[in-house]
Amino acid sequence: MTEEHTHSESQNRPDTPPVDKIRVLLVDDETAYVDVLANRLGKRGFDVKKAYTSPEALLVLRTQQFDVAVLDLKMPDMDGIEVLKIAKQVDPSLQVIMLTGHGSATACDQGLALGAFDYLMKPCEFETLVEKIQEAFQKKLSET
């Protein structure tokens, strides 16, 4: 039995897309940024869900399954590090890419120590983000 076949059998909920469609959660309070990013990623074949607040992201994470989350570090209601901690408790296999527009190397280092896959500085090149999401997904597959 191949790894991909095993992965798809463990995901047999009816709302789960095919394995080849990477499920991405975008979390950022900059709604226009999230909307544009979600649209562009959707055109690339990603299955994208948006969350504009930390509580919304945590609710979605508790009710749906994702492969990769792209998480802004600076949000008004709850810091991205706190969201990361809870997200990894809810789904330890979730790969998290942190975004920061504030250049906080300390926060990014803390996020990596807490299990984030990687971080990118905003604004980042779209192609770089796509590559990071694909790398994170491959890491998730190799760990399951």
C-alpha atoms as a PDB file:
ATOM      1  CA  MET A   1       0.000   0.000   0.000  1.00  0.00           C
ATOM      2  CA  THR A   2       1.490   3.343  -0.968  1.00  0.00           C
ATOM      3  CA  GLU A   3       1.846   6.256   1.413  1.00  0.00           C
ATOM      4  CA  GLU A   4      -0.579   8.320  -0.663  1.00  0.00           C
ATOM      5  CA  HIS A   5      -3.164   5.525  -0.598  1.00  0.00           C
ATOM      6  CA  THR A   6      -2.832   5.213   3.175  1.00  0.00           C
ATOM      7  CA  HIS A   7      -3.168   8.973   3.561  1.00  0.00           C
ATOM      8  CA  SER A   8      -6.365   9.081   1.513  1.00  0.00           C
ATOM      9  CA  GLU A   9      -7.935   6.228   3.472  1.00  0.00           C
ATOM     10  CA  SER A  10      -7.322   8.012   6.747  1.00  0.00           C
ATOM     11  CA  GLN A  11      -9.139  11.030   5.356  1.00  0.00           C
ATOM     12  CA  ASN A  12     -12.432   9.434   4.377  1.00  0.00           C
ATOM     13  CA  ARG A  13     -14.704  12.189   5.673  1.00  0.00           C
ATOM     14  CA  PRO A  14     -17.150  13.249   2.941  1.00  0.00           C
ATOM     15  CA  ASP A  15     -16.064  16.909   3.126  1.00  0.00           C
ATOM     16  CA  THR A  16     -12.399  16.039   2.546  1.00  0.00           C
ATOM     17  CA  PRO A  17     -11.040  16.922  -0.912  1.00  0.00           C
ATOM     18  CA  PRO A  18      -8.770  14.563  -2.869  1.00  0.00           C
ATOM     19  CA  VAL A  19      -5.236  14.161  -1.518  1.00  0.00           C
ATOM     20  CA  ASP A  20      -3.734  15.958  -4.509  1.00  0.00           C
ATOM     21  CA  LYS A  21      -5.620  19.150  -3.582  1.00  0.00           C
ATOM     22  CA  ILE A  22      -3.676  20.813  -0.779  1.00  0.00           C
ATOM     23  CA  ARG A  23      -5.996  22.219   1.902  1.00  0.00           C
ATOM     24  CA  VAL A  24      -4.784  25.639   3.033  1.00  0.00           C
ATOM     25  CA  LEU A  25      -6.085  27.897   5.787  1.00  0.00           C
ATOM     26  CA  LEU A  26      -5.170  31.584   5.411  1.00  0.00           C
ATOM     27  CA  VAL A  27      -5.288  33.570   8.651  1.00  0.00           C
ATOM     28  CA  ASP A  28      -4.744  37.324   8.530  1.00  0.00           C
ATOM     29  CA  ASP A  29      -6.701  40.378   9.700  1.00  0.00           C
ATOM     30  CA  GLU A  30      -5.865  42.203   6.455  1.00  0.00           C
ATOM     31  CA  THR A  31      -9.007  41.085   4.627  1.00  0.00           C
ATOM     32  CA  ALA A  32      -8.091  42.463   1.194  1.00  0.00           C
ATOM     33  CA  TYR A  33      -4.722  40.689   1.343  1.00  0.00           C
ATOM     34  CA  VAL A  34      -6.342  37.391   2.339  1.00  0.00           C
ATOM     35  CA  ASP A  35      -9.006  37.689  -0.363  1.00  0.00           C
ATOM     36  CA  VAL A  36      -6.469  38.309  -3.132  1.00  0.00           C
ATOM     37  CA  LEU A  37      -4.178  35.554  -1.878  1.00  0.00           C
ATOM     38  CA  ALA A  38      -7.059  33.070  -1.584  1.00  0.00           C
ATOM     39  CA  ASN A  39      -8.188  33.870  -5.112  1.00  0.00           C
ATOM     40  CA  ARG A  40      -4.703  33.412  -6.562  1.00  0.00           C
ATOM     41  CA  LEU A  41      -4.090  30.165  -4.648  1.00  0.00           C
ATOM     42  CA  GLY A  42      -7.512  28.865  -5.700  1.00  0.00           C
ATOM     43  CA  LYS A  43      -6.600  29.441  -9.346  1.00  0.00           C
ATOM     44  CA  ARG A  44      -3.502  27.287  -8.736  1.00  0.00           C
ATOM     45  CA  GLY A  45      -5.664  24.400  -7.551  1.00  0.00           C
ATOM     46  CA  PHE A  46      -5.357  24.830  -3.797  1.00  0.00           C
ATOM     47  CA  ASP A  47      -8.430  24.268  -1.612  1.00  0.00           C
ATOM     48  CA  VAL A  48      -8.424  27.516   0.386  1.00  0.00           C
ATOM     49  CA  LYS A  49     -10.377  28.627   3.452  1.00  0.00           C
ATOM     50  CA  LYS A  50     -10.040  32.132   4.883  1.00  0.00           C
ATOM     51  CA  ALA A  51     -10.130  33.358   8.476  1.00  0.00           C
ATOM     52  CA  TYR A  52      -9.841  37.062   9.320  1.00  0.00           C
ATOM     53  CA  THR A  53      -9.514  36.710  13.095  1.00  0.00           C
ATOM     54  CA  SER A  54      -7.734  34.363  15.474  1.00  0.00           C
ATOM     55  CA  PRO A  55     -10.955  33.062  17.097  1.00  0.00           C
ATOM     56  CA  GLU A  56     -12.402  32.373  13.640  1.00  0.00           C
ATOM     57  CA  ALA A  57      -9.235  30.484  12.658  1.00  0.00           C
ATOM     58  CA  LEU A  58      -9.369  28.334  15.790  1.00  0.00           C
ATOM     59  CA  LEU A  59     -13.042  27.512  15.235  1.00  0.00           C
ATOM     60  CA  VAL A  60     -12.334  26.481  11.640  1.00  0.00           C
ATOM     61  CA  LEU A  61      -9.339  24.382  12.741  1.00  0.00           C
ATOM     62  CA  ARG A  62     -11.540  22.518  15.214  1.00  0.00           C
ATOM     63  CA  THR A  63     -14.186  21.703  12.592  1.00  0.00           C
ATOM     64  CA  GLN A  64     -12.204  21.132   9.384  1.00  0.00           C
ATOM     65  CA  GLN A  65      -8.940  19.491   8.433  1.00  0.00           C
ATOM     66  CA  PHE A  66      -6.091  21.342   6.722  1.00  0.00           C
ATOM     67  CA  ASP A  67      -2.662  20.432   5.438  1.00  0.00           C
ATOM     68  CA  VAL A  68      -1.074  23.869   5.744  1.00  0.00           C
ATOM     69  CA  ALA A  69      -1.983  27.077   7.567  1.00  0.00           C
ATOM     70  CA  VAL A  70      -0.533  30.429   6.557  1.00  0.00           C
ATOM     71  CA  LEU A  71      -0.705  32.458   9.734  1.00  0.00           C
ATOM     72  CA  ASP A  72      -0.067  36.157  10.302  1.00  0.00           C
ATOM     73  CA  LEU A  73       1.878  36.837  13.500  1.00  0.00           C
ATOM     74  CA  LYS A  74       0.388  40.231  14.323  1.00  0.00           C
ATOM     75  CA  MET A  75      -3.370  40.247  14.746  1.00  0.00           C
ATOM     76  CA  PRO A  76      -5.415  42.472  17.045  1.00  0.00           C
ATOM     77  CA  ASP A  77      -7.394  39.842  18.938  1.00  0.00           C
ATOM     78  CA  MET A  78      -4.791  37.135  19.577  1.00  0.00           C
ATOM     79  CA  ASP A  79      -1.126  36.932  18.714  1.00  0.00           C
ATOM     80  CA  GLY A  80      -0.168  34.437  15.985  1.00  0.00           C
ATOM     81  CA  ILE A  81       2.132  32.575  18.393  1.00  0.00           C
ATOM     82  CA  GLU A  82      -0.870  31.792  20.626  1.00  0.00           C
ATOM     83  CA  VAL A  83      -2.850  30.614  17.592  1.00  0.00           C
ATOM     84  CA  LEU A  84       0.104  28.434  16.554  1.00  0.00           C
ATOM     85  CA  LYS A  85       0.267  26.791  20.004  1.00  0.00           C
ATOM     86  CA  ILE A  86      -3.444  25.947  19.972  1.00  0.00           C
ATOM     87  CA  ALA A  87      -3.440  24.885  16.308  1.00  0.00           C
ATOM     88  CA  LYS A  88      -0.624  22.399  16.943  1.00  0.00           C
ATOM     89  CA  GLN A  89      -2.578  20.966  19.891  1.00  0.00           C
ATOM     90  CA  VAL A  90      -5.708  20.587  17.747  1.00  0.00           C
ATOM     91  CA  ASP A  91      -3.786  19.042  14.824  1.00  0.00           C
ATOM     92  CA  PRO A  92      -0.110  18.203  15.450  1.00  0.00           C
ATOM     93  CA  SER A  93       0.371  17.287  11.773  1.00  0.00           C
ATOM     94  CA  LEU A  94      -0.724  20.744  10.566  1.00  0.00           C
ATOM     95  CA  GLN A  95       2.150  22.546   8.870  1.00  0.00           C
ATOM     96  CA  VAL A  96       2.192  26.253   9.713  1.00  0.00           C
ATOM     97  CA  ILE A  97       3.884  28.968   7.699  1.00  0.00           C
ATOM     98  CA  MET A  98       4.054  32.219   9.629  1.00  0.00           C
ATOM     99  CA  LEU A  99       3.857  35.597   7.926  1.00  0.00           C
ATOM    100  CA  THR A 100       5.210  38.730   9.482  1.00  0.00           C
ATOM    101  CA  GLY A 101       5.241  42.247   8.187  1.00  0.00           C
ATOM    102  CA  HIS A 102       6.879  43.553  11.304  1.00  0.00           C
ATOM    103  CA  GLY A 103      10.269  41.889  11.029  1.00  0.00           C
ATOM    104  CA  SER A 104      10.036  40.216  14.400  1.00  0.00           C
ATOM    105  CA  ALA A 105      12.848  37.674  14.225  1.00  0.00           C
ATOM    106  CA  THR A 106      12.308  36.784  17.887  1.00  0.00           C
ATOM    107  CA  ALA A 107       8.643  35.902  17.311  1.00  0.00           C
ATOM    108  CA  CYS A 108       9.533  33.889  14.208  1.00  0.00           C
ATOM    109  CA  ASP A 109      12.217  31.990  16.096  1.00  0.00           C
ATOM    110  CA  GLN A 110       9.708  31.296  18.864  1.00  0.00           C
ATOM    111  CA  GLY A 111       7.217  30.049  16.263  1.00  0.00           C
ATOM    112  CA  LEU A 112       9.775  27.703  14.738  1.00  0.00           C
ATOM    113  CA  ALA A 113      10.596  26.378  18.210  1.00  0.00           C
ATOM    114  CA  LEU A 114       6.876  25.691  18.708  1.00  0.00           C
ATOM    115  CA  GLY A 115       6.655  23.625  15.544  1.00  0.00           C
ATOM    116  CA  ALA A 116       6.012  26.066  12.714  1.00  0.00           C
ATOM    117  CA  PHE A 117       7.300  24.841   9.349  1.00  0.00           C
ATOM    118  CA  ASP A 118       8.798  28.171   8.268  1.00  0.00           C
ATOM    119  CA  TYR A 119       8.175  31.897   8.110  1.00  0.00           C
ATOM    120  CA  LEU A 120       8.074  34.535   5.402  1.00  0.00           C
ATOM    121  CA  MET A 121       8.312  38.317   5.513  1.00  0.00           C
ATOM    122  CA  LYS A 122       5.342  40.269   4.152  1.00  0.00           C
ATOM    123  CA  PRO A 123       4.995  41.157   1.426  1.00  0.00           C
ATOM    124  CA  CYS A 124       6.403  37.952   0.028  1.00  0.00           C
ATOM    125  CA  GLU A 125       6.576  36.877  -3.578  1.00  0.00           C
ATOM    126  CA  PHE A 126       3.542  34.796  -4.503  1.00  0.00           C
ATOM    127  CA  GLU A 127       5.708  32.080  -6.091  1.00  0.00           C
ATOM    128  CA  THR A 128       7.781  31.834  -2.901  1.00  0.00           C
ATOM    129  CA  LEU A 129       4.614  31.301  -0.863  1.00  0.00           C
ATOM    130  CA  VAL A 130       3.369  28.642  -3.290  1.00  0.00           C
ATOM    131  CA  GLU A 131       6.706  26.814  -3.032  1.00  0.00           C
ATOM    132  CA  LYS A 132       6.650  26.981   0.788  1.00  0.00           C
ATOM    133  CA  ILE A 133       3.095  25.610   0.889  1.00  0.00           C
ATOM    134  CA  GLN A 134       4.102  22.728  -1.385  1.00  0.00           C
ATOM    135  CA  GLU A 135       7.210  22.017   0.720  1.00  0.00           C
ATOM    136  CA  ALA A 136       5.132  22.071   3.907  1.00  0.00           C
ATOM    137  CA  PHE A 137       2.625  19.663   2.349  1.00  0.00           C
ATOM    138  CA  GLN A 138       5.424  17.267   1.350  1.00  0.00           C
ATOM    139  CA  LYS A 139       6.738  17.389   4.913  1.00  0.00           C
ATOM    140  CA  LYS A 140       3.267  16.552   6.237  1.00  0.00           C
ATOM    141  CA  LEU A 141       3.006  13.583   3.849  1.00  0.00           C
ATOM    142  CA  SER A 142       6.422  12.314   4.898  1.00  0.00           C
ATOM    143  CA  GLU A 143       5.432  12.443   8.570  1.00  0.00           C
ATOM    144  CA  THR A 144       2.091  10.614   8.218  1.00  0.00           C
END
